[in-house]
């Protein structure tokens, strides 16, 4: 049986991804997070294992990764988390890894959105988020990095505009539901990207700022 692990599963995107996988695949799930037993009790069932743990807890991660086919990190993290996490994935024999990040690690945000984004997010290419992305890109994992623009909730908005590394990023917003669907589709193979850093946003949102600001 196929098994997927969702790390930081207690967050909104983690939970949305878990539900998407339960509804649209036959895979077993391991949902990993702080106080997972309590916070994710609604997911309890034959196909779901809940693992309480911290992303720096190697032993808990090894338990979660046992027999896993792919892992989704539903959280933007720092190098002190991602570097040992990559080693634990390697030690566990897991190659497929989907990880969230944010735009502008390559100084790629452009168009009308650029000024507002940098005013509200800062100069991302000068932060350690760059080191996190570099660590993933320099690993031997079959990775996809999701550089995700500003988030909001709307279950009716699940389409995704994809830009690749080296292309300008201009999308002002994306729903958490769209991110969850895209992540789930990467895990199941419905979306076929490998060794890629992708910018994801909502189509037709090349605006000066998100609609909810």
N, C-alpha and C. Protein backbone atom coordinates (compact mmCIF):
# COMPACT_ATOMS: atom_id res chain seq x y z
N UNK A 1 0.84 -1.20 0.00
CA UNK A 1 0.00 0.00 0.00
C UNK A 1 0.87 1.25 0.00
N UNK A 2 0.51 2.21 -0.81
CA UNK A 2 1.23 3.49 -0.86
C UNK A 2 1.03 4.25 0.45
N UNK A 3 2.11 4.91 0.89
CA UNK A 3 2.03 5.68 2.13
C UNK A 3 2.66 7.05 1.92
N UNK A 4 1.92 8.09 2.30
CA UNK A 4 2.41 9.45 2.24
C UNK A 4 2.49 10.03 3.65
N UNK A 5 3.52 10.85 3.88
CA UNK A 5 3.68 11.54 5.15
C UNK A 5 3.45 13.03 4.95
N UNK A 6 2.64 13.62 5.80
CA UNK A 6 2.46 15.07 5.80
C UNK A 6 3.08 15.61 7.08
N UNK A 7 4.14 16.41 6.94
CA UNK A 7 4.78 17.06 8.07
C UNK A 7 4.15 18.42 8.32
N UNK A 8 4.11 18.83 9.59
CA UNK A 8 3.37 20.05 9.96
C UNK A 8 1.91 19.89 9.58
N UNK A 9 1.39 18.71 9.82
CA UNK A 9 0.03 18.37 9.39
C UNK A 9 -1.04 19.07 10.19
N UNK A 10 -0.68 19.67 11.31
CA UNK A 10 -1.70 20.36 12.12
C UNK A 10 -2.05 21.74 11.56
N UNK A 11 -1.24 22.27 10.66
CA UNK A 11 -1.54 23.56 10.05
C UNK A 11 -2.66 23.46 9.03
N UNK A 12 -3.11 24.61 8.54
CA UNK A 12 -4.24 24.62 7.61
C UNK A 12 -3.93 23.87 6.32
N UNK A 13 -2.78 24.12 5.73
CA UNK A 13 -2.45 23.46 4.48
C UNK A 13 -2.21 21.97 4.71
N UNK A 14 -1.58 21.63 5.81
CA UNK A 14 -1.39 20.23 6.13
C UNK A 14 -2.70 19.47 6.24
N UNK A 15 -3.66 20.06 6.93
CA UNK A 15 -4.95 19.40 7.09
C UNK A 15 -5.73 19.33 5.78
N UNK A 16 -5.68 20.39 5.00
CA UNK A 16 -6.36 20.37 3.70
C UNK A 16 -5.75 19.32 2.77
N UNK A 17 -4.43 19.19 2.82
CA UNK A 17 -3.77 18.18 1.98
C UNK A 17 -4.14 16.78 2.43
N UNK A 18 -4.16 16.56 3.73
CA UNK A 18 -4.55 15.25 4.26
C UNK A 18 -5.95 14.87 3.81
N UNK A 19 -6.88 15.81 3.91
CA UNK A 19 -8.25 15.52 3.51
C UNK A 19 -8.34 15.25 2.02
N UNK A 20 -7.58 16.00 1.25
CA UNK A 20 -7.57 15.79 -0.20
C UNK A 20 -7.07 14.39 -0.54
N UNK A 21 -6.03 13.94 0.13
CA UNK A 21 -5.48 12.61 -0.12
C UNK A 21 -6.44 11.52 0.31
N UNK A 22 -7.13 11.73 1.41
CA UNK A 22 -8.12 10.74 1.86
C UNK A 22 -9.27 10.63 0.86
N UNK A 23 -9.67 11.78 0.31
CA UNK A 23 -10.83 11.81 -0.59
C UNK A 23 -10.50 11.36 -2.01
N UNK A 24 -9.25 11.54 -2.43
CA UNK A 24 -8.92 11.34 -3.84
C UNK A 24 -7.78 10.35 -4.07
N UNK A 25 -7.45 9.55 -3.09
CA UNK A 25 -6.47 8.48 -3.28
C UNK A 25 -6.82 7.33 -2.34
N UNK A 26 -6.15 6.22 -2.55
CA UNK A 26 -6.32 5.06 -1.66
C UNK A 26 -5.15 4.91 -0.71
N UNK A 27 -4.26 5.88 -0.66
CA UNK A 27 -3.03 5.77 0.11
C UNK A 27 -3.28 5.82 1.61
N UNK A 28 -2.36 5.21 2.35
CA UNK A 28 -2.32 5.41 3.79
C UNK A 28 -1.57 6.70 4.08
N UNK A 29 -1.91 7.34 5.20
CA UNK A 29 -1.30 8.61 5.55
C UNK A 29 -0.66 8.54 6.93
N UNK A 30 0.47 9.23 7.08
CA UNK A 30 1.05 9.51 8.38
C UNK A 30 1.01 11.02 8.55
N UNK A 31 0.30 11.47 9.56
CA UNK A 31 0.16 12.91 9.83
C UNK A 31 1.00 13.25 11.05
N UNK A 32 1.99 14.10 10.83
CA UNK A 32 3.03 14.38 11.83
C UNK A 32 2.91 15.83 12.29
N UNK A 33 2.91 16.06 13.60
CA UNK A 33 2.87 17.41 14.11
C UNK A 33 2.79 17.44 15.62
N UNK A 34 2.88 18.67 16.16
CA UNK A 34 2.76 18.84 17.60
C UNK A 34 1.35 18.48 18.07
N UNK A 35 1.27 17.65 19.11
CA UNK A 35 -0.02 17.24 19.68
C UNK A 35 -0.96 16.71 18.61
N UNK A 36 -0.40 15.93 17.68
CA UNK A 36 -1.19 15.41 16.56
C UNK A 36 -2.38 14.58 17.04
N UNK A 37 -2.19 13.80 18.10
CA UNK A 37 -3.28 12.94 18.59
C UNK A 37 -4.53 13.74 18.91
N UNK A 38 -4.34 14.91 19.51
CA UNK A 38 -5.49 15.75 19.89
C UNK A 38 -5.95 16.63 18.73
N UNK A 39 -5.00 17.27 18.08
CA UNK A 39 -5.34 18.29 17.09
C UNK A 39 -5.82 17.69 15.77
N UNK A 40 -5.46 16.43 15.51
CA UNK A 40 -5.85 15.79 14.25
C UNK A 40 -6.74 14.57 14.49
N UNK A 41 -7.42 14.56 15.61
CA UNK A 41 -8.24 13.39 15.96
C UNK A 41 -9.35 13.15 14.94
N UNK A 42 -9.80 14.21 14.25
CA UNK A 42 -10.87 14.05 13.27
C UNK A 42 -10.44 13.16 12.09
N UNK A 43 -9.11 12.99 11.91
CA UNK A 43 -8.62 12.17 10.81
C UNK A 43 -8.40 10.71 11.21
N UNK A 44 -8.61 10.39 12.46
CA UNK A 44 -8.35 9.03 12.94
C UNK A 44 -9.15 8.02 12.13
N UNK A 45 -8.50 6.94 11.72
CA UNK A 45 -9.16 5.91 10.93
C UNK A 45 -8.17 4.86 10.49
N UNK A 46 -8.65 3.88 9.76
CA UNK A 46 -7.81 2.76 9.35
C UNK A 46 -6.65 3.18 8.45
N UNK A 47 -6.82 4.25 7.68
CA UNK A 47 -5.78 4.66 6.73
C UNK A 47 -4.82 5.70 7.30
N UNK A 48 -5.04 6.15 8.52
CA UNK A 48 -4.29 7.28 9.05
C UNK A 48 -3.57 6.91 10.34
N UNK A 49 -2.27 7.25 10.38
CA UNK A 49 -1.50 7.17 11.61
C UNK A 49 -1.13 8.57 12.04
N UNK A 50 -1.29 8.86 13.30
CA UNK A 50 -0.96 10.18 13.85
C UNK A 50 0.33 10.06 14.66
N UNK A 51 1.29 10.93 14.37
CA UNK A 51 2.57 10.90 15.07
C UNK A 51 2.81 12.26 15.70
N UNK A 52 2.88 12.28 17.03
CA UNK A 52 3.25 13.50 17.74
C UNK A 52 4.75 13.71 17.62
N UNK A 53 5.16 14.92 17.26
CA UNK A 53 6.59 15.14 17.17
C UNK A 53 6.95 16.53 16.70
N UNK A 54 8.21 16.85 16.90
CA UNK A 54 8.80 18.11 16.47
C UNK A 54 9.68 17.83 15.25
N UNK A 55 9.79 18.80 14.36
CA UNK A 55 10.57 18.60 13.14
C UNK A 55 12.06 18.43 13.40
N UNK A 56 12.51 18.71 14.63
CA UNK A 56 13.90 18.48 15.01
C UNK A 56 14.10 17.15 15.73
N UNK A 57 13.02 16.40 15.90
CA UNK A 57 13.06 15.12 16.61
C UNK A 57 13.33 14.00 15.60
N UNK A 58 14.59 13.64 15.45
CA UNK A 58 14.98 12.66 14.43
C UNK A 58 14.32 11.31 14.64
N UNK A 59 14.23 10.88 15.89
CA UNK A 59 13.62 9.57 16.17
C UNK A 59 12.15 9.54 15.76
N UNK A 60 11.43 10.62 16.05
CA UNK A 60 10.02 10.69 15.67
C UNK A 60 9.87 10.72 14.16
N UNK A 61 10.78 11.44 13.50
CA UNK A 61 10.73 11.50 12.03
C UNK A 61 11.01 10.14 11.41
N UNK A 62 11.99 9.43 11.95
CA UNK A 62 12.30 8.10 11.42
C UNK A 62 11.09 7.17 11.56
N UNK A 63 10.40 7.28 12.67
CA UNK A 63 9.18 6.49 12.87
C UNK A 63 8.14 6.84 11.80
N UNK A 64 7.99 8.14 11.55
CA UNK A 64 6.99 8.58 10.56
C UNK A 64 7.36 8.15 9.15
N UNK A 65 8.66 8.14 8.84
CA UNK A 65 9.12 7.87 7.47
C UNK A 65 9.19 6.39 7.13
N UNK A 66 9.06 5.53 8.11
CA UNK A 66 9.21 4.09 7.86
C UNK A 66 8.20 3.62 6.80
N UNK A 67 8.71 3.10 5.70
CA UNK A 67 7.85 2.58 4.64
C UNK A 67 7.16 3.63 3.80
N UNK A 68 7.55 4.90 3.94
CA UNK A 68 6.87 5.98 3.21
C UNK A 68 7.34 6.06 1.77
N UNK A 69 6.42 6.40 0.87
CA UNK A 69 6.74 6.60 -0.54
C UNK A 69 7.08 8.05 -0.86
N UNK A 70 6.53 8.99 -0.10
CA UNK A 70 6.76 10.40 -0.35
C UNK A 70 6.40 11.19 0.90
N UNK A 71 7.01 12.39 1.00
CA UNK A 71 6.82 13.26 2.16
C UNK A 71 6.50 14.67 1.68
N UNK A 72 5.51 15.31 2.31
CA UNK A 72 5.18 16.71 2.05
C UNK A 72 5.41 17.52 3.31
N UNK A 73 6.26 18.52 3.20
CA UNK A 73 6.51 19.45 4.30
C UNK A 73 5.62 20.67 4.10
N UNK A 74 4.53 20.74 4.88
CA UNK A 74 3.51 21.78 4.69
C UNK A 74 3.83 23.02 5.52
N UNK A 75 5.08 23.44 5.45
CA UNK A 75 5.56 24.54 6.28
C UNK A 75 6.82 25.09 5.65
N UNK A 76 7.00 26.41 5.72
CA UNK A 76 8.25 27.03 5.28
C UNK A 76 9.22 26.98 6.45
N UNK A 77 10.41 26.41 6.23
CA UNK A 77 11.32 26.16 7.34
C UNK A 77 12.68 26.81 7.13
N UNK A 78 13.47 26.79 8.19
CA UNK A 78 14.82 27.35 8.19
C UNK A 78 15.86 26.25 7.97
N UNK A 79 17.11 26.63 7.67
CA UNK A 79 18.14 25.62 7.39
C UNK A 79 18.39 24.67 8.56
N UNK A 80 18.26 25.14 9.80
CA UNK A 80 18.54 24.26 10.94
C UNK A 80 17.53 23.13 11.04
N UNK A 81 16.38 23.28 10.40
CA UNK A 81 15.39 22.21 10.35
C UNK A 81 15.58 21.37 9.09
N UNK A 82 15.79 22.02 7.96
CA UNK A 82 15.78 21.28 6.69
C UNK A 82 17.01 20.40 6.52
N UNK A 83 18.16 20.83 7.01
CA UNK A 83 19.37 20.04 6.77
C UNK A 83 19.32 18.68 7.47
N UNK A 84 19.00 18.60 8.77
CA UNK A 84 18.86 17.27 9.38
C UNK A 84 17.67 16.50 8.84
N UNK A 85 16.64 17.21 8.41
CA UNK A 85 15.47 16.54 7.83
C UNK A 85 15.85 15.81 6.54
N UNK A 86 16.65 16.45 5.71
CA UNK A 86 17.12 15.82 4.48
C UNK A 86 17.93 14.57 4.80
N UNK A 87 18.80 14.65 5.80
CA UNK A 87 19.59 13.47 6.20
C UNK A 87 18.69 12.34 6.67
N UNK A 88 17.64 12.68 7.44
CA UNK A 88 16.73 11.65 7.92
C UNK A 88 15.95 11.01 6.77
N UNK A 89 15.57 11.81 5.80
CA UNK A 89 14.93 11.25 4.61
C UNK A 89 15.87 10.28 3.90
N UNK A 90 17.13 10.69 3.74
CA UNK A 90 18.11 9.82 3.09
C UNK A 90 18.29 8.52 3.88
N UNK A 91 18.45 8.66 5.20
CA UNK A 91 18.66 7.49 6.05
C UNK A 91 17.46 6.54 6.01
N UNK A 92 16.28 7.11 5.76
CA UNK A 92 15.05 6.31 5.74
C UNK A 92 14.72 5.77 4.36
N UNK A 93 15.52 6.16 3.36
CA UNK A 93 15.31 5.67 2.00
C UNK A 93 14.15 6.33 1.27
N UNK A 94 13.73 7.51 1.74
CA UNK A 94 12.65 8.24 1.09
C UNK A 94 13.26 9.25 0.12
N UNK A 95 12.84 9.21 -1.14
CA UNK A 95 13.40 10.10 -2.15
C UNK A 95 12.45 11.23 -2.56
N UNK A 96 11.15 10.97 -2.61
CA UNK A 96 10.21 11.97 -3.10
C UNK A 96 9.86 12.93 -1.97
N UNK A 97 10.13 14.22 -2.19
CA UNK A 97 9.99 15.23 -1.14
C UNK A 97 9.42 16.50 -1.75
N UNK A 98 8.29 16.94 -1.20
CA UNK A 98 7.64 18.19 -1.60
C UNK A 98 7.76 19.16 -0.42
N UNK A 99 8.24 20.36 -0.66
CA UNK A 99 8.46 21.31 0.43
C UNK A 99 7.97 22.70 0.06
N UNK A 100 7.36 23.37 1.01
CA UNK A 100 6.90 24.74 0.79
C UNK A 100 8.04 25.73 0.99
N UNK A 101 7.99 26.81 0.23
CA UNK A 101 8.89 27.93 0.39
C UNK A 101 8.10 29.20 0.03
N UNK A 102 8.80 30.30 -0.17
CA UNK A 102 8.13 31.55 -0.53
C UNK A 102 8.83 32.17 -1.73
N UNK A 103 8.12 33.01 -2.48
CA UNK A 103 8.73 33.65 -3.65
C UNK A 103 9.83 34.64 -3.27
N UNK A 104 10.67 34.91 -4.23
CA UNK A 104 11.75 35.90 -4.20
C UNK A 104 13.05 35.36 -3.62
N UNK A 105 13.14 34.05 -3.42
CA UNK A 105 14.44 33.50 -3.01
C UNK A 105 15.47 33.67 -4.13
N UNK A 106 15.00 33.78 -5.37
CA UNK A 106 15.88 34.02 -6.52
C UNK A 106 15.77 35.47 -7.02
N UNK A 107 15.11 36.32 -6.24
CA UNK A 107 14.86 37.71 -6.64
C UNK A 107 13.97 37.75 -7.89
N UNK A 108 12.99 36.83 -7.92
CA UNK A 108 12.20 36.61 -9.14
C UNK A 108 10.86 37.34 -9.16
N UNK A 109 10.42 37.89 -8.02
CA UNK A 109 9.13 38.58 -8.02
C UNK A 109 9.23 39.83 -8.90
N UNK A 110 8.25 39.98 -9.80
CA UNK A 110 8.31 41.04 -10.81
C UNK A 110 6.92 41.60 -11.05
N UNK A 111 6.84 42.59 -11.93
CA UNK A 111 5.55 43.13 -12.33
C UNK A 111 4.93 44.03 -11.27
N UNK A 112 3.63 44.29 -11.39
CA UNK A 112 2.95 45.20 -10.47
C UNK A 112 3.03 44.76 -9.00
N UNK A 113 3.19 43.47 -8.75
CA UNK A 113 3.18 42.92 -7.40
C UNK A 113 4.49 43.16 -6.65
N UNK A 114 5.56 43.45 -7.37
CA UNK A 114 6.88 43.46 -6.76
C UNK A 114 7.00 44.44 -5.60
N UNK A 115 6.57 45.68 -5.78
CA UNK A 115 6.76 46.70 -4.75
C UNK A 115 6.02 46.33 -3.47
N UNK A 116 4.74 45.96 -3.59
CA UNK A 116 3.95 45.61 -2.41
C UNK A 116 4.52 44.38 -1.72
N UNK A 117 4.88 43.39 -2.51
CA UNK A 117 5.40 42.14 -1.94
C UNK A 117 6.66 42.41 -1.12
N UNK A 118 7.58 43.13 -1.68
CA UNK A 118 8.84 43.36 -0.97
C UNK A 118 8.65 44.27 0.24
N UNK A 119 7.69 45.19 0.15
CA UNK A 119 7.40 46.03 1.30
C UNK A 119 6.86 45.21 2.47
N UNK A 120 6.05 44.19 2.17
CA UNK A 120 5.38 43.42 3.21
C UNK A 120 6.11 42.14 3.60
N UNK A 121 6.98 41.65 2.73
CA UNK A 121 7.69 40.39 3.00
C UNK A 121 9.17 40.62 3.26
N UNK A 122 9.71 41.72 2.79
CA UNK A 122 11.14 41.97 2.93
C UNK A 122 11.92 41.44 1.76
N UNK A 123 13.23 41.50 1.87
CA UNK A 123 14.12 41.07 0.80
C UNK A 123 14.45 39.59 1.04
N UNK A 124 13.60 38.73 0.49
CA UNK A 124 13.69 37.30 0.79
C UNK A 124 15.03 36.72 0.37
N UNK A 125 15.60 37.20 -0.73
CA UNK A 125 16.86 36.64 -1.24
C UNK A 125 18.03 36.95 -0.30
N UNK A 126 17.81 37.76 0.73
CA UNK A 126 18.86 38.04 1.72
C UNK A 126 18.62 37.28 3.03
N UNK A 127 17.63 36.39 3.05
CA UNK A 127 17.30 35.65 4.26
C UNK A 127 17.81 34.21 4.18
N UNK A 128 17.68 33.50 5.31
CA UNK A 128 18.13 32.10 5.30
C UNK A 128 17.15 31.17 4.61
N UNK A 129 16.02 31.69 4.12
CA UNK A 129 15.15 30.87 3.28
C UNK A 129 15.89 30.43 2.01
N UNK A 130 16.84 31.25 1.58
CA UNK A 130 17.67 30.88 0.42
C UNK A 130 18.50 29.65 0.74
N UNK A 131 19.05 29.61 1.95
CA UNK A 131 19.87 28.46 2.36
C UNK A 131 19.02 27.19 2.43
N UNK A 132 17.77 27.34 2.86
CA UNK A 132 16.87 26.19 2.90
C UNK A 132 16.65 25.64 1.49
N UNK A 133 16.35 26.52 0.55
CA UNK A 133 16.12 26.11 -0.83
C UNK A 133 17.39 25.48 -1.42
N UNK A 134 18.54 26.10 -1.14
CA UNK A 134 19.80 25.55 -1.65
C UNK A 134 20.05 24.15 -1.13
N UNK A 135 19.75 23.92 0.14
CA UNK A 135 19.96 22.59 0.73
C UNK A 135 19.12 21.54 0.03
N UNK A 136 17.88 21.89 -0.28
CA UNK A 136 17.01 20.94 -0.98
C UNK A 136 17.50 20.71 -2.40
N UNK A 137 17.82 21.79 -3.09
CA UNK A 137 18.27 21.67 -4.49
C UNK A 137 19.60 20.91 -4.61
N UNK A 138 20.43 21.00 -3.59
CA UNK A 138 21.72 20.33 -3.63
C UNK A 138 21.68 18.90 -3.09
N UNK A 139 20.49 18.46 -2.67
CA UNK A 139 20.34 17.11 -2.15
C UNK A 139 20.16 16.12 -3.30
N UNK A 140 20.13 14.84 -2.94
CA UNK A 140 19.86 13.82 -3.96
C UNK A 140 18.40 13.39 -3.95
N UNK A 141 17.55 14.19 -3.33
CA UNK A 141 16.13 13.88 -3.27
C UNK A 141 15.45 14.20 -4.60
N UNK A 142 14.36 13.52 -4.87
CA UNK A 142 13.48 13.84 -6.00
C UNK A 142 12.48 14.87 -5.49
N UNK A 143 12.92 16.13 -5.48
CA UNK A 143 12.20 17.18 -4.78
C UNK A 143 11.33 18.02 -5.72
N UNK A 144 10.34 18.67 -5.11
CA UNK A 144 9.67 19.82 -5.72
C UNK A 144 9.53 20.87 -4.62
N UNK A 145 10.02 22.06 -4.89
CA UNK A 145 9.86 23.19 -3.98
C UNK A 145 8.69 24.03 -4.48
N UNK A 146 7.79 24.39 -3.56
CA UNK A 146 6.62 25.19 -3.91
C UNK A 146 6.78 26.60 -3.32
N UNK A 147 7.17 27.54 -4.18
CA UNK A 147 7.28 28.94 -3.76
C UNK A 147 5.87 29.55 -3.84
N UNK A 148 5.27 29.65 -2.68
CA UNK A 148 3.83 29.92 -2.59
C UNK A 148 3.58 31.38 -2.22
N UNK A 149 2.80 32.07 -3.04
CA UNK A 149 2.52 33.48 -2.81
C UNK A 149 1.53 33.66 -1.66
N UNK A 150 1.01 34.87 -1.46
CA UNK A 150 0.17 35.18 -0.29
C UNK A 150 -1.11 34.35 -0.29
N UNK A 151 -1.44 33.85 0.90
CA UNK A 151 -2.47 32.82 1.06
C UNK A 151 -3.78 33.36 1.60
N UNK A 152 -4.86 32.74 1.14
CA UNK A 152 -6.19 32.99 1.70
C UNK A 152 -7.01 31.73 1.54
N UNK A 153 -8.22 31.71 2.05
CA UNK A 153 -9.06 30.52 2.00
C UNK A 153 -10.22 30.71 1.02
N UNK A 154 -10.35 29.77 0.08
CA UNK A 154 -11.49 29.75 -0.82
C UNK A 154 -11.54 28.38 -1.50
N UNK A 155 -12.42 27.49 -1.06
CA UNK A 155 -12.46 26.14 -1.63
C UNK A 155 -12.89 26.10 -3.09
N UNK A 156 -13.41 27.21 -3.62
CA UNK A 156 -13.81 27.23 -5.04
C UNK A 156 -12.65 27.59 -5.96
N UNK A 157 -11.54 28.03 -5.39
CA UNK A 157 -10.39 28.47 -6.19
C UNK A 157 -9.26 27.45 -6.06
N UNK A 158 -9.20 26.49 -6.98
CA UNK A 158 -8.19 25.44 -6.88
C UNK A 158 -7.27 25.35 -8.10
N UNK A 159 -7.42 26.29 -9.04
CA UNK A 159 -6.52 26.31 -10.19
C UNK A 159 -5.19 26.94 -9.80
N UNK A 160 -4.12 26.51 -10.46
CA UNK A 160 -2.78 26.98 -10.12
C UNK A 160 -2.05 27.44 -11.37
N UNK A 161 -1.42 28.59 -11.27
CA UNK A 161 -0.51 29.06 -12.31
C UNK A 161 0.91 28.72 -11.86
N UNK A 162 1.65 28.00 -12.69
CA UNK A 162 2.98 27.52 -12.34
C UNK A 162 4.04 28.30 -13.10
N UNK A 163 5.04 28.79 -12.38
CA UNK A 163 6.22 29.37 -13.01
C UNK A 163 7.45 28.60 -12.53
N UNK A 164 8.40 28.43 -13.41
CA UNK A 164 9.59 27.66 -13.08
C UNK A 164 10.73 28.59 -12.66
N UNK A 165 11.74 27.99 -12.07
CA UNK A 165 12.93 28.74 -11.68
C UNK A 165 13.52 29.43 -12.90
N UNK A 166 13.83 30.71 -12.73
CA UNK A 166 14.35 31.50 -13.83
C UNK A 166 13.30 32.34 -14.52
N UNK A 167 12.02 32.06 -14.24
CA UNK A 167 10.92 32.83 -14.81
C UNK A 167 10.43 33.87 -13.80
N UNK A 168 9.94 35.04 -14.25
CA UNK A 168 9.42 36.03 -13.32
C UNK A 168 8.16 35.53 -12.62
N UNK A 169 8.01 35.92 -11.37
CA UNK A 169 6.84 35.53 -10.58
C UNK A 169 6.00 36.78 -10.33
N UNK A 170 4.71 36.73 -10.72
CA UNK A 170 3.88 37.93 -10.69
C UNK A 170 2.55 37.75 -9.96
N UNK A 171 2.22 36.54 -9.51
CA UNK A 171 0.89 36.26 -8.96
C UNK A 171 0.78 36.74 -7.52
N UNK A 172 -0.30 37.46 -7.22
CA UNK A 172 -0.44 38.11 -5.92
C UNK A 172 -1.05 37.23 -4.84
N UNK A 173 -1.74 36.15 -5.22
CA UNK A 173 -2.43 35.36 -4.19
C UNK A 173 -2.67 33.95 -4.69
N UNK A 174 -2.97 33.07 -3.73
CA UNK A 174 -3.39 31.71 -4.03
C UNK A 174 -4.14 31.18 -2.81
N UNK A 175 -5.15 30.37 -3.06
CA UNK A 175 -5.91 29.81 -1.94
C UNK A 175 -5.15 28.63 -1.33
N UNK A 176 -5.34 28.44 -0.04
CA UNK A 176 -4.74 27.27 0.62
C UNK A 176 -5.28 25.98 0.02
N UNK A 177 -6.53 26.01 -0.40
CA UNK A 177 -7.11 24.82 -1.03
C UNK A 177 -6.39 24.47 -2.33
N UNK A 178 -5.98 25.48 -3.09
CA UNK A 178 -5.25 25.24 -4.33
C UNK A 178 -3.87 24.66 -4.05
N UNK A 179 -3.21 25.18 -3.02
CA UNK A 179 -1.90 24.64 -2.64
C UNK A 179 -2.02 23.19 -2.21
N UNK A 180 -3.04 22.90 -1.41
CA UNK A 180 -3.25 21.53 -0.93
C UNK A 180 -3.53 20.57 -2.08
N UNK A 181 -4.35 20.99 -3.01
CA UNK A 181 -4.65 20.14 -4.17
C UNK A 181 -3.40 19.89 -4.99
N UNK A 182 -2.62 20.93 -5.22
CA UNK A 182 -1.41 20.78 -6.03
C UNK A 182 -0.40 19.87 -5.33
N UNK A 183 -0.25 20.05 -4.03
CA UNK A 183 0.67 19.20 -3.26
C UNK A 183 0.22 17.75 -3.30
N UNK A 184 -1.07 17.53 -3.10
CA UNK A 184 -1.60 16.16 -3.15
C UNK A 184 -1.39 15.54 -4.52
N UNK A 185 -1.60 16.34 -5.56
CA UNK A 185 -1.41 15.83 -6.93
C UNK A 185 0.05 15.53 -7.24
N UNK A 186 0.97 16.27 -6.62
CA UNK A 186 2.39 15.95 -6.77
C UNK A 186 2.72 14.63 -6.09
N UNK A 187 2.15 14.42 -4.91
CA UNK A 187 2.40 13.18 -4.18
C UNK A 187 1.88 11.97 -4.95
N UNK A 188 0.68 12.10 -5.52
CA UNK A 188 0.05 10.96 -6.19
C UNK A 188 0.52 10.78 -7.63
N UNK A 189 1.20 11.78 -8.18
CA UNK A 189 1.68 11.69 -9.55
C UNK A 189 0.76 12.30 -10.58
N UNK A 190 -0.35 12.88 -10.15
CA UNK A 190 -1.23 13.57 -11.10
C UNK A 190 -0.55 14.81 -11.68
N UNK A 191 0.31 15.43 -10.90
CA UNK A 191 1.19 16.49 -11.39
C UNK A 191 2.60 15.92 -11.49
N UNK A 192 3.22 16.05 -12.65
CA UNK A 192 4.45 15.34 -12.94
C UNK A 192 5.64 16.31 -13.00
N UNK A 193 6.06 16.77 -11.85
CA UNK A 193 7.25 17.63 -11.75
C UNK A 193 8.28 16.93 -10.87
N UNK A 194 9.56 17.06 -11.27
CA UNK A 194 10.65 16.42 -10.53
C UNK A 194 11.87 17.33 -10.57
N UNK A 195 12.57 17.45 -9.44
CA UNK A 195 13.77 18.28 -9.34
C UNK A 195 13.47 19.69 -9.86
N UNK A 196 12.40 20.25 -9.34
CA UNK A 196 11.94 21.58 -9.79
C UNK A 196 11.66 22.49 -8.60
N UNK A 197 11.92 23.77 -8.79
CA UNK A 197 11.47 24.80 -7.87
C UNK A 197 10.39 25.60 -8.59
N UNK A 198 9.17 25.48 -8.12
CA UNK A 198 8.02 26.05 -8.81
C UNK A 198 7.42 27.21 -8.02
N UNK A 199 7.15 28.31 -8.72
CA UNK A 199 6.33 29.36 -8.15
C UNK A 199 4.88 29.04 -8.43
N UNK A 200 4.03 29.10 -7.42
CA UNK A 200 2.61 28.80 -7.65
C UNK A 200 1.74 29.95 -7.14
N UNK A 201 0.81 30.33 -8.00
CA UNK A 201 -0.12 31.40 -7.69
C UNK A 201 -1.46 31.13 -8.37
N UNK A 202 -2.40 31.97 -8.08
CA UNK A 202 -3.72 31.86 -8.70
C UNK A 202 -3.69 32.50 -10.09
N UNK A 203 -4.23 31.83 -11.09
CA UNK A 203 -4.24 32.43 -12.43
C UNK A 203 -4.96 33.79 -12.44
N UNK A 204 -4.46 34.68 -13.28
CA UNK A 204 -5.08 35.99 -13.51
C UNK A 204 -5.08 36.86 -12.25
N UNK A 205 -4.00 36.77 -11.47
CA UNK A 205 -3.88 37.64 -10.28
C UNK A 205 -2.58 38.44 -10.33
N UNK A 206 -2.20 38.91 -11.51
CA UNK A 206 -1.00 39.73 -11.63
C UNK A 206 -1.35 41.17 -11.23
N UNK A 207 -1.64 41.33 -9.95
CA UNK A 207 -2.11 42.59 -9.40
C UNK A 207 -1.02 43.27 -8.58
N UNK A 208 -1.32 44.48 -8.12
CA UNK A 208 -0.37 45.19 -7.27
C UNK A 208 -0.32 44.61 -5.86
N UNK A 209 -1.39 43.95 -5.42
CA UNK A 209 -1.45 43.35 -4.09
C UNK A 209 -2.58 42.32 -4.06
N UNK A 210 -2.62 41.45 -3.05
CA UNK A 210 -3.72 40.49 -2.96
C UNK A 210 -5.07 41.18 -2.81
N UNK A 211 -6.11 40.51 -3.26
CA UNK A 211 -7.46 41.09 -3.21
C UNK A 211 -7.97 41.29 -1.80
N UNK A 212 -7.39 40.57 -0.83
CA UNK A 212 -7.87 40.65 0.55
C UNK A 212 -7.12 41.71 1.35
N UNK A 213 -6.30 42.54 0.67
CA UNK A 213 -5.64 43.67 1.33
C UNK A 213 -6.12 44.97 0.71
